[in-house]
């Protein structure tokens, strides 16, 4: 059995898995949106807010 101090040093600085998944999903959505904007030929549609 490990002591609390050893456990704390093992887990300190790690992020939860669900957080990594959520952030990864957000990054993928942003990249996809960026690619859609870049590939759009119509300037009006490209600059639409």
PDB file of N, CA and C in Angstrom:
ATOM      1  N   UNK A   1       0.842  -1.184   0.000  1.00  0.00           N
ATOM      2  CA  UNK A   1       0.000   0.000   0.000  1.00  0.00           C
ATOM      3  C   UNK A   1       0.889   1.250   0.000  1.00  0.00           C
ATOM      4  N   UNK A   2       0.529   2.204  -0.842  1.00  0.00           N
ATOM      5  CA  UNK A   2       1.353   3.418  -0.916  1.00  0.00           C
ATOM      6  C   UNK A   2       0.771   4.489   0.001  1.00  0.00           C
ATOM      7  N   UNK A   3       1.632   5.350   0.432  1.00  0.00           N
ATOM      8  CA  UNK A   3       1.204   6.436   1.314  1.00  0.00           C
ATOM      9  C   UNK A   3       0.581   7.562   0.494  1.00  0.00           C
ATOM     10  N   UNK A   4      -0.162   8.428   1.167  1.00  0.00           N
ATOM     11  CA  UNK A   4      -0.843   9.533   0.492  1.00  0.00           C
ATOM     12  C   UNK A   4       0.156  10.408  -0.246  1.00  0.00           C
ATOM     13  N   UNK A   5       1.270  10.675   0.353  1.00  0.00           N
ATOM     14  CA  UNK A   5       2.274  11.546  -0.251  1.00  0.00           C
ATOM     15  C   UNK A   5       2.774  10.956  -1.570  1.00  0.00           C
ATOM     16  N   UNK A   6       2.985   9.645  -1.603  1.00  0.00           N
ATOM     17  CA  UNK A   6       3.424   8.990  -2.836  1.00  0.00           C
ATOM     18  C   UNK A   6       2.313   9.018  -3.884  1.00  0.00           C
ATOM     19  N   UNK A   7       1.072   8.759  -3.445  1.00  0.00           N
ATOM     20  CA  UNK A   7      -0.069   8.788  -4.372  1.00  0.00           C
ATOM     21  C   UNK A   7      -0.247  10.182  -4.953  1.00  0.00           C
ATOM     22  N   UNK A   8      -0.132  11.193  -4.112  1.00  0.00           N
ATOM     23  CA  UNK A   8      -0.300  12.579  -4.551  1.00  0.00           C
ATOM     24  C   UNK A   8       0.776  12.951  -5.575  1.00  0.00           C
ATOM     25  N   UNK A   9       1.990  12.499  -5.371  1.00  0.00           N
ATOM     26  CA  UNK A   9       3.064  12.814  -6.323  1.00  0.00           C
ATOM     27  C   UNK A   9       2.858  12.074  -7.644  1.00  0.00           C
ATOM     28  N   UNK A  10       2.189  10.908  -7.615  1.00  0.00           N
ATOM     29  CA  UNK A  10       1.906  10.172  -8.845  1.00  0.00           C
ATOM     30  C   UNK A  10       0.796  10.825  -9.664  1.00  0.00           C
ATOM     31  N   UNK A  11      -0.210  11.369  -8.988  1.00  0.00           N
ATOM     32  CA  UNK A  11      -1.378  11.907  -9.690  1.00  0.00           C
ATOM     33  C   UNK A  11      -1.316  13.411  -9.905  1.00  0.00           C
ATOM     34  N   UNK A  12      -0.401  14.083  -9.279  1.00  0.00           N
ATOM     35  CA  UNK A  12      -0.324  15.538  -9.392  1.00  0.00           C
ATOM     36  C   UNK A  12       0.042  15.936 -10.821  1.00  0.00           C
ATOM     37  N   UNK A  13      -0.687  16.881 -11.391  1.00  0.00           N
ATOM     38  CA  UNK A  13      -0.401  17.376 -12.715  1.00  0.00           C
ATOM     39  C   UNK A  13      -1.135  16.633 -13.819  1.00  0.00           C
ATOM     40  N   UNK A  14      -1.806  15.530 -13.494  1.00  0.00           N
ATOM     41  CA  UNK A  14      -2.556  14.793 -14.509  1.00  0.00           C
ATOM     42  C   UNK A  14      -3.959  15.370 -14.629  1.00  0.00           C
ATOM     43  N   UNK A  15      -4.461  15.360 -15.837  1.00  0.00           N
ATOM     44  CA  UNK A  15      -5.819  15.852 -16.086  1.00  0.00           C
ATOM     45  C   UNK A  15      -6.754  14.666 -16.209  1.00  0.00           C
ATOM     46  N   UNK A  16      -8.006  14.804 -15.805  1.00  0.00           N
ATOM     47  CA  UNK A  16      -8.957  13.699 -15.941  1.00  0.00           C
ATOM     48  C   UNK A  16      -9.200  13.341 -17.410  1.00  0.00           C
ATOM     49  N   UNK A  17      -9.510  12.087 -17.651  1.00  0.00           N
ATOM     50  CA  UNK A  17      -9.709  11.600 -19.018  1.00  0.00           C
ATOM     51  C   UNK A  17     -10.878  12.309 -19.689  1.00  0.00           C
ATOM     52  N   UNK A  18     -11.963  12.558 -18.962  1.00  0.00           N
ATOM     53  CA  UNK A  18     -13.135  13.197 -19.576  1.00  0.00           C
ATOM     54  C   UNK A  18     -12.784  14.595 -20.060  1.00  0.00           C
ATOM     55  N   UNK A  19     -11.877  15.274 -19.363  1.00  0.00           N
ATOM     56  CA  UNK A  19     -11.467  16.615 -19.774  1.00  0.00           C
ATOM     57  C   UNK A  19     -10.673  16.557 -21.073  1.00  0.00           C
ATOM     58  N   UNK A  20      -9.800  15.571 -21.199  1.00  0.00           N
ATOM     59  CA  UNK A  20      -9.021  15.409 -22.429  1.00  0.00           C
ATOM     60  C   UNK A  20      -9.946  15.130 -23.613  1.00  0.00           C
ATOM     61  N   UNK A  21     -10.979  14.305 -23.387  1.00  0.00           N
ATOM     62  CA  UNK A  21     -11.909  13.961 -24.460  1.00  0.00           C
ATOM     63  C   UNK A  21     -12.708  15.192 -24.892  1.00  0.00           C
ATOM     64  N   UNK A  22     -13.192  15.970 -23.928  1.00  0.00           N
ATOM     65  CA  UNK A  22     -13.987  17.163 -24.240  1.00  0.00           C
ATOM     66  C   UNK A  22     -13.144  18.179 -25.001  1.00  0.00           C
ATOM     67  N   UNK A  23     -11.941  18.439 -24.535  1.00  0.00           N
ATOM     68  CA  UNK A  23     -11.063  19.404 -25.199  1.00  0.00           C
ATOM     69  C   UNK A  23     -10.688  18.913 -26.592  1.00  0.00           C
ATOM     70  N   UNK A  24     -10.425  17.615 -26.729  1.00  0.00           N
ATOM     71  CA  UNK A  24     -10.118  17.057 -28.043  1.00  0.00           C
ATOM     72  C   UNK A  24     -11.277  17.226 -29.013  1.00  0.00           C
ATOM     73  N   UNK A  25     -12.511  17.025 -28.525  1.00  0.00           N
ATOM     74  CA  UNK A  25     -13.693  17.222 -29.368  1.00  0.00           C
ATOM     75  C   UNK A  25     -13.850  18.663 -29.804  1.00  0.00           C
ATOM     76  N   UNK A  26     -13.587  19.592 -28.895  1.00  0.00           N
ATOM     77  CA  UNK A  26     -13.685  21.012 -29.225  1.00  0.00           C
ATOM     78  C   UNK A  26     -12.635  21.396 -30.274  1.00  0.00           C
ATOM     79  N   UNK A  27     -11.438  20.871 -30.128  1.00  0.00           N
ATOM     80  CA  UNK A  27     -10.374  21.160 -31.094  1.00  0.00           C
ATOM     81  C   UNK A  27     -10.752  20.635 -32.476  1.00  0.00           C
ATOM     82  N   UNK A  28     -11.322  19.425 -32.522  1.00  0.00           N
ATOM     83  CA  UNK A  28     -11.729  18.852 -33.809  1.00  0.00           C
ATOM     84  C   UNK A  28     -12.824  19.698 -34.455  1.00  0.00           C
ATOM     85  N   UNK A  29     -13.785  20.193 -33.665  1.00  0.00           N
ATOM     86  CA  UNK A  29     -14.856  21.031 -34.217  1.00  0.00           C
ATOM     87  C   UNK A  29     -14.296  22.335 -34.774  1.00  0.00           C
ATOM     88  N   UNK A  30     -13.368  22.942 -34.062  1.00  0.00           N
ATOM     89  CA  UNK A  30     -12.770  24.207 -34.506  1.00  0.00           C
ATOM     90  C   UNK A  30     -11.977  23.992 -35.786  1.00  0.00           C
ATOM     91  N   UNK A  31     -11.198  22.906 -35.852  1.00  0.00           N
ATOM     92  CA  UNK A  31     -10.430  22.617 -37.074  1.00  0.00           C
ATOM     93  C   UNK A  31     -11.352  22.384 -38.256  1.00  0.00           C
ATOM     94  N   UNK A  32     -12.441  21.650 -38.028  1.00  0.00           N
ATOM     95  CA  UNK A  32     -13.391  21.368 -39.096  1.00  0.00           C
ATOM     96  C   UNK A  32     -14.025  22.661 -39.594  1.00  0.00           C
ATOM     97  N   UNK A  33     -14.418  23.531 -38.686  1.00  0.00           N
ATOM     98  CA  UNK A  33     -15.016  24.810 -39.059  1.00  0.00           C
ATOM     99  C   UNK A  33     -14.015  25.665 -39.827  1.00  0.00           C
ATOM    100  N   UNK A  34     -12.763  25.673 -39.390  1.00  0.00           N
ATOM    101  CA  UNK A  34     -11.721  26.433 -40.072  1.00  0.00           C
ATOM    102  C   UNK A  34     -11.516  25.926 -41.500  1.00  0.00           C
ATOM    103  N   UNK A  35     -11.517  24.618 -41.671  1.00  0.00           N
ATOM    104  CA  UNK A  35     -11.365  24.049 -43.018  1.00  0.00           C
ATOM    105  C   UNK A  35     -12.559  24.390 -43.903  1.00  0.00           C
ATOM    106  N   UNK A  36     -13.759  24.387 -43.333  1.00  0.00           N
ATOM    107  CA  UNK A  36     -14.947  24.749 -44.102  1.00  0.00           C
ATOM    108  C   UNK A  36     -14.874  26.201 -44.553  1.00  0.00           C
ATOM    109  N   UNK A  37     -14.417  27.079 -43.690  1.00  0.00           N
ATOM    110  CA  UNK A  37     -14.311  28.503 -44.033  1.00  0.00           C
ATOM    111  C   UNK A  37     -13.265  28.692 -45.134  1.00  0.00           C
ATOM    112  N   UNK A  38     -12.128  28.026 -45.006  1.00  0.00           N
ATOM    113  CA  UNK A  38     -11.064  28.174 -45.997  1.00  0.00           C
ATOM    114  C   UNK A  38     -11.461  27.615 -47.357  1.00  0.00           C
ATOM    115  N   UNK A  39     -12.259  26.562 -47.374  1.00  0.00           N
ATOM    116  CA  UNK A  39     -12.607  25.937 -48.652  1.00  0.00           C
ATOM    117  C   UNK A  39     -13.805  26.609 -49.324  1.00  0.00           C
ATOM    118  N   UNK A  40     -14.459  27.530 -48.647  1.00  0.00           N
ATOM    119  CA  UNK A  40     -15.616  28.231 -49.223  1.00  0.00           C
ATOM    120  C   UNK A  40     -15.141  29.198 -50.306  1.00  0.00           C
ATOM    121  N   UNK A  41     -15.789  29.153 -51.455  1.00  0.00           N
ATOM    122  CA  UNK A  41     -15.394  29.990 -52.586  1.00  0.00           C
ATOM    123  C   UNK A  41     -16.059  31.371 -52.553  1.00  0.00           C
ATOM    124  N   UNK A  42     -17.280  31.438 -52.026  1.00  0.00           N
ATOM    125  CA  UNK A  42     -18.041  32.687 -52.009  1.00  0.00           C
ATOM    126  C   UNK A  42     -17.542  33.580 -50.863  1.00  0.00           C
ATOM    127  N   UNK A  43     -16.982  34.771 -51.178  1.00  0.00           N
ATOM    128  CA  UNK A  43     -16.450  35.649 -50.123  1.00  0.00           C
ATOM    129  C   UNK A  43     -17.522  36.123 -49.136  1.00  0.00           C
ATOM    130  N   UNK A  44     -18.761  36.344 -49.611  1.00  0.00           N
ATOM    131  CA  UNK A  44     -19.809  36.773 -48.706  1.00  0.00           C
ATOM    132  C   UNK A  44     -20.135  35.694 -47.676  1.00  0.00           C
ATOM    133  N   UNK A  45     -20.202  34.464 -48.126  1.00  0.00           N
ATOM    134  CA  UNK A  45     -20.481  33.359 -47.221  1.00  0.00           C
ATOM    135  C   UNK A  45     -19.303  33.124 -46.280  1.00  0.00           C
ATOM    136  N   UNK A  46     -18.093  33.336 -46.779  1.00  0.00           N
ATOM    137  CA  UNK A  46     -16.886  33.119 -45.988  1.00  0.00           C
ATOM    138  C   UNK A  46     -16.790  34.126 -44.845  1.00  0.00           C
ATOM    139  N   UNK A  47     -17.225  35.355 -45.081  1.00  0.00           N
ATOM    140  CA  UNK A  47     -17.115  36.401 -44.060  1.00  0.00           C
ATOM    141  C   UNK A  47     -18.397  36.588 -43.251  1.00  0.00           C
ATOM    142  N   UNK A  48     -19.379  35.735 -43.481  1.00  0.00           N
ATOM    143  CA  UNK A  48     -20.655  35.840 -42.759  1.00  0.00           C
ATOM    144  C   UNK A  48     -20.430  35.516 -41.274  1.00  0.00           C
ATOM    145  N   UNK A  49     -21.120  36.289 -40.441  1.00  0.00           N
ATOM    146  CA  UNK A  49     -20.954  36.090 -38.989  1.00  0.00           C
ATOM    147  C   UNK A  49     -22.071  35.304 -38.410  1.00  0.00           C
TER     148      UNK A  49
END
